[in-house]
Amino acid sequence: MRILAYQLMDAAGLQRGRLTGITLRGEDLIDADQVAEQISLDIGREARLVAEQAVDRVRDKFGPYIIGPAAAFPRAS
């Protein structure tokens, strides 16, 4: 669906930097837990989703306190 959205914008000659919104309607959708990938037209958001998935996998493997914000990391004095 993301590729289709990009193709629609390209076909319309729209500038992505000036486009503030686009609406797509999906039919015959499946449950979210069966979706292989969540789509986004925002590259920054897409990167955060990938990072969030990686953090979740690390926490699942090593425990909930193994990874977090650098500012919360205890420093040696």
N, C-alpha and C. Protein backbone atom coordinates (compact mmCIF):
# COMPACT_ATOMS: atom_id res chain seq x y z
N MET A 1 0.83 -1.18 0.00
CA MET A 1 0.00 0.00 0.00
C MET A 1 0.88 1.25 0.00
N ARG A 2 2.04 1.20 0.68
CA ARG A 2 2.93 2.34 0.72
C ARG A 2 3.43 2.68 -0.68
N ILE A 3 3.81 1.66 -1.44
CA ILE A 3 4.29 1.88 -2.81
C ILE A 3 3.19 2.50 -3.65
N LEU A 4 1.97 2.04 -3.49
CA LEU A 4 0.83 2.61 -4.21
C LEU A 4 0.66 4.09 -3.85
N ALA A 5 0.80 4.44 -2.58
CA ALA A 5 0.67 5.83 -2.16
C ALA A 5 1.74 6.70 -2.81
N TYR A 6 2.98 6.20 -2.83
CA TYR A 6 4.06 6.95 -3.50
C TYR A 6 3.77 7.10 -4.99
N GLN A 7 3.27 6.06 -5.62
CA GLN A 7 2.95 6.12 -7.05
C GLN A 7 1.85 7.14 -7.32
N LEU A 8 0.85 7.19 -6.44
CA LEU A 8 -0.23 8.16 -6.59
C LEU A 8 0.29 9.59 -6.47
N MET A 9 1.16 9.82 -5.49
CA MET A 9 1.72 11.17 -5.33
C MET A 9 2.58 11.54 -6.53
N ASP A 10 3.40 10.60 -7.01
CA ASP A 10 4.24 10.87 -8.18
C ASP A 10 3.39 11.15 -9.41
N ALA A 11 2.33 10.37 -9.59
CA ALA A 11 1.46 10.54 -10.75
C ALA A 11 0.74 11.89 -10.72
N ALA A 12 0.41 12.36 -9.52
CA ALA A 12 -0.29 13.64 -9.39
C ALA A 12 0.67 14.82 -9.46
N GLY A 13 1.97 14.55 -9.43
CA GLY A 13 2.96 15.62 -9.48
C GLY A 13 3.03 16.42 -8.19
N LEU A 14 2.67 15.80 -7.08
CA LEU A 14 2.68 16.50 -5.80
C LEU A 14 4.09 16.50 -5.20
N GLN A 15 4.43 17.57 -4.52
CA GLN A 15 5.71 17.64 -3.83
C GLN A 15 5.51 17.08 -2.43
N ARG A 16 6.26 16.05 -2.10
CA ARG A 16 6.08 15.40 -0.80
C ARG A 16 6.32 16.35 0.36
N GLY A 17 7.24 17.29 0.21
CA GLY A 17 7.52 18.24 1.28
C GLY A 17 6.35 19.15 1.58
N ARG A 18 5.49 19.37 0.60
CA ARG A 18 4.35 20.26 0.79
C ARG A 18 3.05 19.50 1.05
N LEU A 19 3.06 18.22 0.85
CA LEU A 19 1.88 17.40 1.06
C LEU A 19 1.68 17.22 2.57
N THR A 20 0.54 17.64 3.07
CA THR A 20 0.30 17.55 4.51
C THR A 20 -0.57 16.36 4.89
N GLY A 21 -1.19 15.72 3.92
CA GLY A 21 -2.00 14.57 4.25
C GLY A 21 -2.49 13.87 3.00
N ILE A 22 -2.72 12.59 3.15
CA ILE A 22 -3.29 11.78 2.08
C ILE A 22 -4.14 10.71 2.76
N THR A 23 -5.26 10.41 2.18
CA THR A 23 -6.14 9.41 2.75
C THR A 23 -6.27 8.24 1.79
N LEU A 24 -6.05 7.06 2.30
CA LEU A 24 -6.24 5.84 1.54
C LEU A 24 -7.27 4.99 2.27
N ARG A 25 -8.08 4.31 1.53
CA ARG A 25 -9.10 3.45 2.14
C ARG A 25 -8.78 2.00 1.81
N GLY A 26 -8.67 1.20 2.83
CA GLY A 26 -8.39 -0.22 2.64
C GLY A 26 -9.63 -1.05 2.90
N GLU A 27 -9.80 -2.07 2.10
CA GLU A 27 -10.93 -2.98 2.28
C GLU A 27 -10.40 -4.40 2.44
N ASP A 28 -11.18 -5.25 3.06
CA ASP A 28 -10.80 -6.64 3.31
C ASP A 28 -9.48 -6.72 4.06
N LEU A 29 -9.34 -5.92 5.12
CA LEU A 29 -8.12 -5.89 5.91
C LEU A 29 -8.08 -7.07 6.87
N ILE A 30 -6.88 -7.42 7.32
CA ILE A 30 -6.70 -8.51 8.28
C ILE A 30 -6.32 -7.92 9.63
N ASP A 31 -6.34 -8.74 10.67
CA ASP A 31 -6.00 -8.30 12.01
C ASP A 31 -4.54 -7.83 12.06
N ALA A 32 -4.26 -6.87 12.93
CA ALA A 32 -2.92 -6.28 13.04
C ALA A 32 -1.87 -7.32 13.40
N ASP A 33 -2.24 -8.33 14.20
CA ASP A 33 -1.24 -9.32 14.58
C ASP A 33 -0.85 -10.24 13.43
N GLN A 34 -1.55 -10.16 12.31
CA GLN A 34 -1.22 -10.97 11.14
C GLN A 34 -0.48 -10.16 10.07
N VAL A 35 -0.25 -8.89 10.34
CA VAL A 35 0.42 -8.01 9.38
C VAL A 35 1.92 -8.20 9.48
N ALA A 36 2.57 -8.34 8.34
CA ALA A 36 4.02 -8.54 8.32
C ALA A 36 4.77 -7.26 8.66
N GLU A 37 4.25 -6.10 8.26
CA GLU A 37 4.95 -4.84 8.47
C GLU A 37 3.94 -3.70 8.56
N GLN A 38 4.16 -2.83 9.52
CA GLN A 38 3.32 -1.64 9.63
C GLN A 38 3.84 -0.61 8.63
N ILE A 39 2.95 -0.02 7.84
CA ILE A 39 3.42 0.92 6.82
C ILE A 39 3.38 2.34 7.33
N SER A 40 4.27 3.14 6.80
CA SER A 40 4.33 4.55 7.16
C SER A 40 4.93 5.31 6.00
N LEU A 41 4.49 6.53 5.79
CA LEU A 41 5.07 7.39 4.77
C LEU A 41 6.11 8.32 5.38
N ASP A 42 6.33 8.24 6.68
CA ASP A 42 7.28 9.08 7.39
C ASP A 42 8.55 8.27 7.66
N ILE A 43 9.65 8.64 7.00
CA ILE A 43 10.89 7.87 7.12
C ILE A 43 11.42 7.90 8.56
N GLY A 44 11.32 9.03 9.24
CA GLY A 44 11.77 9.12 10.62
C GLY A 44 10.97 8.21 11.53
N ARG A 45 9.67 8.19 11.33
CA ARG A 45 8.80 7.31 12.13
C ARG A 45 9.13 5.85 11.84
N GLU A 46 9.37 5.54 10.58
CA GLU A 46 9.71 4.18 10.18
C GLU A 46 10.99 3.72 10.90
N ALA A 47 11.98 4.60 10.99
CA ALA A 47 13.23 4.26 11.68
C ALA A 47 12.99 4.02 13.17
N ARG A 48 12.12 4.84 13.78
CA ARG A 48 11.81 4.64 15.19
C ARG A 48 11.09 3.31 15.43
N LEU A 49 10.22 2.91 14.50
CA LEU A 49 9.53 1.63 14.64
C LEU A 49 10.50 0.46 14.57
N VAL A 50 11.48 0.55 13.67
CA VAL A 50 12.49 -0.51 13.56
C VAL A 50 13.31 -0.57 14.84
N ALA A 51 13.73 0.59 15.36
CA ALA A 51 14.50 0.64 16.60
C ALA A 51 13.68 0.09 17.76
N GLU A 52 12.41 0.42 17.81
CA GLU A 52 11.54 -0.07 18.89
C GLU A 52 11.43 -1.59 18.86
N GLN A 53 11.33 -2.17 17.69
CA GLN A 53 11.27 -3.62 17.56
C GLN A 53 12.56 -4.26 18.04
N ALA A 54 13.71 -3.65 17.72
CA ALA A 54 15.00 -4.18 18.15
C ALA A 54 15.12 -4.12 19.68
N VAL A 55 14.70 -3.01 20.27
CA VAL A 55 14.74 -2.85 21.73
C VAL A 55 13.84 -3.90 22.38
N ASP A 56 12.67 -4.14 21.82
CA ASP A 56 11.76 -5.15 22.37
C ASP A 56 12.40 -6.54 22.34
N ARG A 57 13.09 -6.86 21.25
CA ARG A 57 13.75 -8.18 21.16
C ARG A 57 14.86 -8.32 22.20
N VAL A 58 15.64 -7.25 22.42
CA VAL A 58 16.70 -7.27 23.42
C VAL A 58 16.10 -7.45 24.81
N ARG A 59 15.03 -6.71 25.11
CA ARG A 59 14.38 -6.83 26.42
C ARG A 59 13.78 -8.22 26.63
N ASP A 60 13.21 -8.79 25.58
CA ASP A 60 12.65 -10.15 25.69
C ASP A 60 13.74 -11.17 26.00
N LYS A 61 14.91 -10.96 25.44
CA LYS A 61 16.00 -11.92 25.61
C LYS A 61 16.74 -11.74 26.93
N PHE A 62 17.01 -10.47 27.33
CA PHE A 62 17.88 -10.22 28.47
C PHE A 62 17.18 -9.61 29.68
N GLY A 63 15.91 -9.26 29.57
CA GLY A 63 15.18 -8.69 30.69
C GLY A 63 14.83 -7.23 30.47
N PRO A 64 13.85 -6.73 31.23
CA PRO A 64 13.31 -5.39 30.98
C PRO A 64 14.26 -4.24 31.30
N TYR A 65 15.29 -4.47 32.12
CA TYR A 65 16.15 -3.36 32.56
C TYR A 65 17.50 -3.35 31.85
N ILE A 66 17.68 -4.17 30.83
CA ILE A 66 18.97 -4.29 30.16
C ILE A 66 19.24 -3.14 29.19
N ILE A 67 18.21 -2.48 28.73
CA ILE A 67 18.37 -1.41 27.75
C ILE A 67 17.43 -0.26 28.09
N GLY A 68 17.90 0.96 27.86
CA GLY A 68 17.08 2.13 28.15
C GLY A 68 17.78 3.39 27.69
N PRO A 69 17.26 4.54 28.05
CA PRO A 69 17.88 5.80 27.65
C PRO A 69 19.27 5.95 28.24
N ALA A 70 20.19 6.51 27.46
CA ALA A 70 21.56 6.70 27.93
C ALA A 70 21.62 7.59 29.17
N ALA A 71 20.71 8.57 29.26
CA ALA A 71 20.71 9.48 30.41
C ALA A 71 20.39 8.75 31.72
N ALA A 72 19.72 7.62 31.63
CA ALA A 72 19.35 6.87 32.83
C ALA A 72 20.42 5.84 33.22
N PHE A 73 21.47 5.72 32.41
CA PHE A 73 22.51 4.73 32.66
C PHE A 73 23.36 5.16 33.86
N PRO A 74 23.54 4.29 34.85
CA PRO A 74 24.35 4.67 36.02
C PRO A 74 25.82 4.87 35.62
N ARG A 75 26.40 5.96 36.08
CA ARG A 75 27.79 6.28 35.76
C ARG A 75 28.70 5.99 36.95
N ALA A 76 29.90 5.54 36.63
CA ALA A 76 30.89 5.31 37.69
C ALA A 76 31.49 6.66 38.11
N SER A 77 31.68 6.85 39.39
CA SER A 77 32.23 8.13 39.87
C SER A 77 33.73 8.06 40.00
